[in-house]
Amino acid sequence: MHEMGLAQGILQVVLDVAAGQKVRNISLLVGNQQMVAPGSLEFSFRLAAEGTEAADAVIAMEQVPTTLRCRECGAEAEADLPPWSCRQCGAIEVEMLSGDELSVEAVELDSGQIIRRRRDNGS
C-alpha cells in the first residue's frame, strides 16, 4: 500500500507549512498516474496524522487526468494507461503534460489563514 508513504510525505509538508498551528483543511492535486485510491490515502493520512496539528483536517482531493502532447503533430488529448500513442496521427513519441502530480495545493489553518502552493514558471 504505497498510500502510507504518500500520506507521510503529505503530512510532513502540511506540518512544515502549519508551523505548530492547527490545520483545518488540506487541498491536494492527485494525478491519475499516481494510482492512488482516495479512501486508502485518507485512511493512511489519518493514521499518520494521529496526535498532530493535522489530525482533524478535512482533506479535499482533486483528481488530475493524464494529458499527453504528441511530439510529431502537437495534438493534445487525455489518455488512460500506457502504452500511449497519439490519437491524431498514431505516433508513439508523446510527452505527459499532466497526470503524474501529487501536490499539496493549499493548507487552511484554524485561524482561517490559507497558505497556497507557490507555483514556479508562471504555472
N, C-alpha and C. Protein backbone atom coordinates (compact mmCIF):
# COMPACT_ATOMS: atom_id res chain seq x y z
N MET A 1 0.85 -1.18 0.00
CA MET A 1 0.00 0.00 0.00
C MET A 1 0.90 1.24 0.00
N HIS A 2 1.14 1.80 -1.17
CA HIS A 2 2.02 2.96 -1.28
C HIS A 2 1.38 4.23 -0.74
N GLU A 3 0.09 4.19 -0.46
CA GLU A 3 -0.60 5.36 0.07
C GLU A 3 -0.03 5.81 1.41
N MET A 4 0.46 4.88 2.24
CA MET A 4 1.02 5.28 3.54
C MET A 4 2.27 6.14 3.34
N GLY A 5 3.14 5.76 2.43
CA GLY A 5 4.32 6.57 2.15
C GLY A 5 3.94 7.95 1.63
N LEU A 6 2.95 7.98 0.75
CA LEU A 6 2.48 9.27 0.23
C LEU A 6 1.88 10.11 1.34
N ALA A 7 1.08 9.47 2.20
CA ALA A 7 0.44 10.19 3.31
C ALA A 7 1.47 10.79 4.25
N GLN A 8 2.53 10.06 4.51
CA GLN A 8 3.58 10.56 5.40
C GLN A 8 4.28 11.77 4.77
N GLY A 9 4.51 11.72 3.48
CA GLY A 9 5.11 12.87 2.79
C GLY A 9 4.20 14.08 2.80
N ILE A 10 2.91 13.86 2.55
CA ILE A 10 1.93 14.95 2.59
C ILE A 10 1.88 15.55 3.99
N LEU A 11 1.84 14.69 5.00
CA LEU A 11 1.80 15.17 6.38
C LEU A 11 3.01 16.04 6.69
N GLN A 12 4.17 15.63 6.26
CA GLN A 12 5.38 16.41 6.54
C GLN A 12 5.29 17.80 5.93
N VAL A 13 4.81 17.88 4.69
CA VAL A 13 4.64 19.18 4.03
C VAL A 13 3.63 20.03 4.82
N VAL A 14 2.52 19.43 5.18
CA VAL A 14 1.46 20.15 5.89
C VAL A 14 1.96 20.67 7.23
N LEU A 15 2.65 19.83 7.99
CA LEU A 15 3.15 20.25 9.29
C LEU A 15 4.22 21.34 9.16
N ASP A 16 5.05 21.26 8.14
CA ASP A 16 6.05 22.30 7.90
C ASP A 16 5.37 23.64 7.63
N VAL A 17 4.33 23.62 6.81
CA VAL A 17 3.59 24.83 6.46
C VAL A 17 2.84 25.37 7.68
N ALA A 18 2.26 24.49 8.47
CA ALA A 18 1.45 24.91 9.62
C ALA A 18 2.29 25.51 10.74
N ALA A 19 3.52 25.12 10.84
CA ALA A 19 4.45 25.67 11.85
C ALA A 19 3.84 25.68 13.25
N GLY A 20 3.27 24.54 13.65
CA GLY A 20 2.74 24.40 15.00
C GLY A 20 1.29 24.81 15.18
N GLN A 21 0.66 25.33 14.13
CA GLN A 21 -0.74 25.73 14.22
C GLN A 21 -1.65 24.58 13.80
N LYS A 22 -2.86 24.59 14.33
CA LYS A 22 -3.83 23.55 14.00
C LYS A 22 -4.29 23.72 12.55
N VAL A 23 -4.41 22.59 11.84
CA VAL A 23 -4.78 22.58 10.42
C VAL A 23 -6.26 22.23 10.29
N ARG A 24 -6.99 23.04 9.51
CA ARG A 24 -8.42 22.85 9.30
C ARG A 24 -8.69 22.06 8.00
N ASN A 25 -8.07 22.49 6.90
CA ASN A 25 -8.32 21.88 5.59
C ASN A 25 -7.02 21.71 4.81
N ILE A 26 -6.99 20.65 3.98
CA ILE A 26 -5.85 20.38 3.10
C ILE A 26 -6.40 20.12 1.72
N SER A 27 -5.86 20.82 0.72
CA SER A 27 -6.26 20.60 -0.68
C SER A 27 -5.11 19.94 -1.42
N LEU A 28 -5.42 18.82 -2.08
CA LEU A 28 -4.41 18.05 -2.82
C LEU A 28 -4.78 17.97 -4.29
N LEU A 29 -3.75 17.93 -5.14
CA LEU A 29 -3.91 17.55 -6.55
C LEU A 29 -3.29 16.17 -6.68
N VAL A 30 -4.05 15.24 -7.24
CA VAL A 30 -3.58 13.86 -7.36
C VAL A 30 -3.75 13.40 -8.81
N GLY A 31 -2.64 13.21 -9.49
CA GLY A 31 -2.68 12.76 -10.88
C GLY A 31 -3.08 11.30 -10.98
N ASN A 32 -3.80 10.97 -12.05
CA ASN A 32 -4.27 9.59 -12.26
C ASN A 32 -3.13 8.58 -12.31
N GLN A 33 -1.97 8.99 -12.80
CA GLN A 33 -0.85 8.06 -12.91
C GLN A 33 -0.25 7.70 -11.55
N GLN A 34 -0.62 8.40 -10.49
CA GLN A 34 -0.18 8.05 -9.15
C GLN A 34 -0.86 6.78 -8.65
N MET A 35 -1.95 6.39 -9.32
CA MET A 35 -2.69 5.17 -8.97
C MET A 35 -3.07 5.14 -7.49
N VAL A 36 -3.58 6.28 -7.01
CA VAL A 36 -3.95 6.42 -5.61
C VAL A 36 -5.42 6.08 -5.43
N ALA A 37 -5.70 5.27 -4.43
CA ALA A 37 -7.08 5.01 -4.02
C ALA A 37 -7.40 6.08 -2.98
N PRO A 38 -8.29 7.04 -3.30
CA PRO A 38 -8.55 8.15 -2.39
C PRO A 38 -8.89 7.72 -0.96
N GLY A 39 -9.71 6.70 -0.80
CA GLY A 39 -10.07 6.23 0.54
C GLY A 39 -8.86 5.71 1.30
N SER A 40 -7.98 5.01 0.60
CA SER A 40 -6.77 4.48 1.24
C SER A 40 -5.82 5.60 1.62
N LEU A 41 -5.71 6.62 0.76
CA LEU A 41 -4.84 7.75 1.08
C LEU A 41 -5.37 8.49 2.30
N GLU A 42 -6.66 8.72 2.35
CA GLU A 42 -7.23 9.42 3.50
C GLU A 42 -7.07 8.60 4.78
N PHE A 43 -7.32 7.30 4.71
CA PHE A 43 -7.13 6.42 5.87
C PHE A 43 -5.68 6.46 6.34
N SER A 44 -4.76 6.37 5.40
CA SER A 44 -3.34 6.40 5.74
C SER A 44 -2.95 7.73 6.36
N PHE A 45 -3.51 8.81 5.81
CA PHE A 45 -3.22 10.13 6.37
C PHE A 45 -3.72 10.23 7.80
N ARG A 46 -4.91 9.71 8.05
CA ARG A 46 -5.47 9.74 9.41
C ARG A 46 -4.56 9.01 10.39
N LEU A 47 -4.05 7.87 9.97
CA LEU A 47 -3.13 7.12 10.84
C LEU A 47 -1.85 7.90 11.09
N ALA A 48 -1.28 8.44 10.03
CA ALA A 48 -0.01 9.16 10.14
C ALA A 48 -0.17 10.45 10.95
N ALA A 49 -1.33 11.10 10.83
CA ALA A 49 -1.54 12.41 11.46
C ALA A 49 -2.01 12.33 12.91
N GLU A 50 -2.28 11.14 13.40
CA GLU A 50 -2.75 10.99 14.78
C GLU A 50 -1.83 11.74 15.74
N GLY A 51 -2.44 12.56 16.60
CA GLY A 51 -1.66 13.27 17.60
C GLY A 51 -0.94 14.51 17.09
N THR A 52 -1.16 14.88 15.84
CA THR A 52 -0.50 16.08 15.28
C THR A 52 -1.53 17.19 15.09
N GLU A 53 -1.05 18.37 14.70
CA GLU A 53 -1.93 19.51 14.44
C GLU A 53 -2.85 19.27 13.24
N ALA A 54 -2.57 18.25 12.44
CA ALA A 54 -3.37 17.96 11.25
C ALA A 54 -4.34 16.79 11.45
N ALA A 55 -4.44 16.30 12.67
CA ALA A 55 -5.24 15.10 12.93
C ALA A 55 -6.70 15.23 12.51
N ASP A 56 -7.28 16.41 12.65
CA ASP A 56 -8.70 16.59 12.35
C ASP A 56 -8.96 17.32 11.04
N ALA A 57 -7.93 17.51 10.24
CA ALA A 57 -8.06 18.27 9.00
C ALA A 57 -8.96 17.54 8.00
N VAL A 58 -9.72 18.32 7.26
CA VAL A 58 -10.54 17.80 6.17
C VAL A 58 -9.67 17.81 4.92
N ILE A 59 -9.65 16.68 4.21
CA ILE A 59 -8.81 16.56 3.02
C ILE A 59 -9.69 16.60 1.76
N ALA A 60 -9.36 17.48 0.85
CA ALA A 60 -10.04 17.55 -0.44
C ALA A 60 -9.04 17.15 -1.51
N MET A 61 -9.40 16.14 -2.31
CA MET A 61 -8.51 15.66 -3.37
C MET A 61 -9.13 15.94 -4.73
N GLU A 62 -8.36 16.62 -5.57
CA GLU A 62 -8.79 16.86 -6.94
C GLU A 62 -8.01 15.91 -7.84
N GLN A 63 -8.72 15.05 -8.56
CA GLN A 63 -8.08 14.11 -9.48
C GLN A 63 -7.70 14.85 -10.76
N VAL A 64 -6.48 14.62 -11.23
CA VAL A 64 -5.98 15.25 -12.45
C VAL A 64 -5.83 14.17 -13.52
N PRO A 65 -6.52 14.33 -14.64
CA PRO A 65 -6.41 13.33 -15.70
C PRO A 65 -5.03 13.37 -16.37
N THR A 66 -4.67 12.28 -16.98
CA THR A 66 -3.42 12.22 -17.74
C THR A 66 -3.67 12.89 -19.09
N THR A 67 -2.84 13.89 -19.39
CA THR A 67 -2.93 14.59 -20.67
C THR A 67 -1.59 14.46 -21.37
N LEU A 68 -1.64 14.12 -22.64
CA LEU A 68 -0.44 13.92 -23.45
C LEU A 68 -0.40 14.89 -24.62
N ARG A 69 0.83 15.21 -25.07
CA ARG A 69 1.03 16.01 -26.28
C ARG A 69 1.92 15.21 -27.22
N CYS A 70 1.49 15.11 -28.46
CA CYS A 70 2.26 14.41 -29.48
C CYS A 70 3.45 15.28 -29.90
N ARG A 71 4.62 14.67 -29.94
CA ARG A 71 5.81 15.40 -30.37
C ARG A 71 5.90 15.51 -31.89
N GLU A 72 5.09 14.74 -32.57
CA GLU A 72 5.07 14.79 -34.05
C GLU A 72 4.11 15.85 -34.57
N CYS A 73 2.85 15.78 -34.15
CA CYS A 73 1.85 16.69 -34.71
C CYS A 73 1.37 17.76 -33.73
N GLY A 74 1.73 17.63 -32.45
CA GLY A 74 1.35 18.64 -31.46
C GLY A 74 -0.03 18.47 -30.85
N ALA A 75 -0.75 17.44 -31.26
CA ALA A 75 -2.10 17.22 -30.72
C ALA A 75 -2.02 16.89 -29.23
N GLU A 76 -3.02 17.37 -28.48
CA GLU A 76 -3.12 17.07 -27.06
C GLU A 76 -4.41 16.31 -26.80
N ALA A 77 -4.33 15.32 -25.89
CA ALA A 77 -5.51 14.52 -25.57
C ALA A 77 -5.33 13.85 -24.22
N GLU A 78 -6.45 13.55 -23.58
CA GLU A 78 -6.42 12.77 -22.35
C GLU A 78 -6.15 11.32 -22.70
N ALA A 79 -5.53 10.61 -21.76
CA ALA A 79 -5.17 9.21 -22.00
C ALA A 79 -5.42 8.40 -20.74
N ASP A 80 -5.46 7.10 -20.89
CA ASP A 80 -5.61 6.21 -19.75
C ASP A 80 -4.26 5.61 -19.40
N LEU A 81 -4.15 4.32 -19.50
CA LEU A 81 -2.92 3.62 -19.13
C LEU A 81 -2.00 3.47 -20.34
N PRO A 82 -0.67 3.42 -20.08
CA PRO A 82 0.26 3.17 -21.18
C PRO A 82 0.07 1.76 -21.74
N PRO A 83 0.57 1.46 -22.92
CA PRO A 83 1.39 2.31 -23.78
C PRO A 83 0.54 3.37 -24.48
N TRP A 84 1.14 4.54 -24.67
CA TRP A 84 0.43 5.66 -25.26
C TRP A 84 0.87 5.92 -26.68
N SER A 85 -0.07 6.42 -27.45
CA SER A 85 0.24 6.90 -28.79
C SER A 85 -0.72 8.05 -29.08
N CYS A 86 -0.38 8.82 -30.09
CA CYS A 86 -1.19 9.98 -30.46
C CYS A 86 -2.50 9.50 -31.09
N ARG A 87 -3.60 10.03 -30.62
CA ARG A 87 -4.91 9.67 -31.19
C ARG A 87 -5.10 10.30 -32.56
N GLN A 88 -4.33 11.37 -32.83
CA GLN A 88 -4.47 12.09 -34.09
C GLN A 88 -3.68 11.42 -35.22
N CYS A 89 -2.37 11.20 -34.97
CA CYS A 89 -1.51 10.71 -36.06
C CYS A 89 -0.94 9.31 -35.81
N GLY A 90 -1.12 8.78 -34.59
CA GLY A 90 -0.64 7.44 -34.28
C GLY A 90 0.80 7.36 -33.80
N ALA A 91 1.52 8.48 -33.76
CA ALA A 91 2.92 8.48 -33.33
C ALA A 91 3.03 8.04 -31.87
N ILE A 92 4.15 7.41 -31.55
CA ILE A 92 4.35 6.96 -30.16
C ILE A 92 5.21 7.94 -29.36
N GLU A 93 5.73 8.95 -30.00
CA GLU A 93 6.53 9.97 -29.31
C GLU A 93 5.59 11.01 -28.69
N VAL A 94 5.22 10.79 -27.43
CA VAL A 94 4.33 11.70 -26.73
C VAL A 94 4.97 12.12 -25.41
N GLU A 95 4.58 13.30 -24.93
CA GLU A 95 5.06 13.76 -23.63
C GLU A 95 3.85 13.95 -22.71
N MET A 96 4.05 13.65 -21.43
CA MET A 96 2.99 13.79 -20.45
C MET A 96 2.95 15.24 -19.98
N LEU A 97 1.78 15.85 -20.10
CA LEU A 97 1.59 17.23 -19.65
C LEU A 97 1.03 17.27 -18.23
N SER A 98 0.20 16.28 -17.90
CA SER A 98 -0.38 16.21 -16.56
C SER A 98 -0.75 14.76 -16.27
N GLY A 99 -0.93 14.50 -14.99
CA GLY A 99 -1.37 13.17 -14.59
C GLY A 99 -0.42 12.47 -13.65
N ASP A 100 0.82 12.98 -13.51
CA ASP A 100 1.76 12.33 -12.61
C ASP A 100 2.01 13.13 -11.34
N GLU A 101 1.25 14.23 -11.15
CA GLU A 101 1.48 15.08 -9.99
C GLU A 101 0.84 14.54 -8.71
N LEU A 102 1.41 14.94 -7.62
CA LEU A 102 0.83 14.76 -6.29
C LEU A 102 1.34 15.94 -5.49
N SER A 103 0.48 16.89 -5.21
CA SER A 103 0.94 18.09 -4.54
C SER A 103 -0.08 18.60 -3.53
N VAL A 104 0.46 19.22 -2.49
CA VAL A 104 -0.36 19.93 -1.52
C VAL A 104 -0.55 21.32 -2.10
N GLU A 105 -1.77 21.63 -2.50
CA GLU A 105 -2.06 22.91 -3.15
C GLU A 105 -2.35 24.01 -2.14
N ALA A 106 -3.00 23.66 -1.03
CA ALA A 106 -3.34 24.67 -0.03
C ALA A 106 -3.53 24.01 1.33
N VAL A 107 -3.19 24.78 2.35
CA VAL A 107 -3.40 24.35 3.73
C VAL A 107 -4.13 25.50 4.42
N GLU A 108 -5.29 25.20 4.99
CA GLU A 108 -6.03 26.22 5.74
C GLU A 108 -5.82 25.94 7.23
N LEU A 109 -5.37 26.95 7.93
CA LEU A 109 -5.13 26.83 9.36
C LEU A 109 -6.40 27.16 10.13
N ASP A 110 -6.44 26.77 11.39
CA ASP A 110 -7.61 27.02 12.23
C ASP A 110 -7.89 28.51 12.35
N SER A 111 -6.87 29.34 12.21
CA SER A 111 -7.02 30.79 12.28
C SER A 111 -7.76 31.35 11.07
N GLY A 112 -7.92 30.52 10.03
CA GLY A 112 -8.55 30.98 8.78
C GLY A 112 -7.54 31.32 7.71
N GLN A 113 -6.27 31.41 8.08
CA GLN A 113 -5.22 31.70 7.10
C GLN A 113 -5.09 30.54 6.13
N ILE A 114 -5.03 30.85 4.84
CA ILE A 114 -4.85 29.83 3.81
C ILE A 114 -3.48 30.04 3.17
N ILE A 115 -2.68 28.99 3.20
CA ILE A 115 -1.35 29.03 2.60
C ILE A 115 -1.40 28.19 1.34
N ARG A 116 -1.18 28.85 0.21
CA ARG A 116 -1.26 28.17 -1.09
C ARG A 116 0.13 27.83 -1.59
N ARG A 117 0.18 26.79 -2.40
CA ARG A 117 1.43 26.39 -3.04
C ARG A 117 1.87 27.48 -3.99
N ARG A 118 3.12 27.81 -3.88
CA ARG A 118 3.71 28.79 -4.79
C ARG A 118 4.07 28.07 -6.07
N ARG A 119 3.62 28.59 -7.19
CA ARG A 119 3.89 27.96 -8.48
C ARG A 119 5.07 28.63 -9.15
N ASP A 120 5.93 27.79 -9.73
CA ASP A 120 7.11 28.28 -10.45
C ASP A 120 6.80 28.39 -11.94
N ASN A 121 7.57 29.17 -12.65
CA ASN A 121 7.48 29.30 -14.12
C ASN A 121 6.10 29.74 -14.59
N GLY A 122 5.42 30.54 -13.79
CA GLY A 122 4.15 31.09 -14.22
C GLY A 122 3.02 30.10 -14.25
N SER A 123 3.20 28.87 -13.76
CA SER A 123 2.11 27.90 -13.79
C SER A 123 1.27 27.96 -12.56
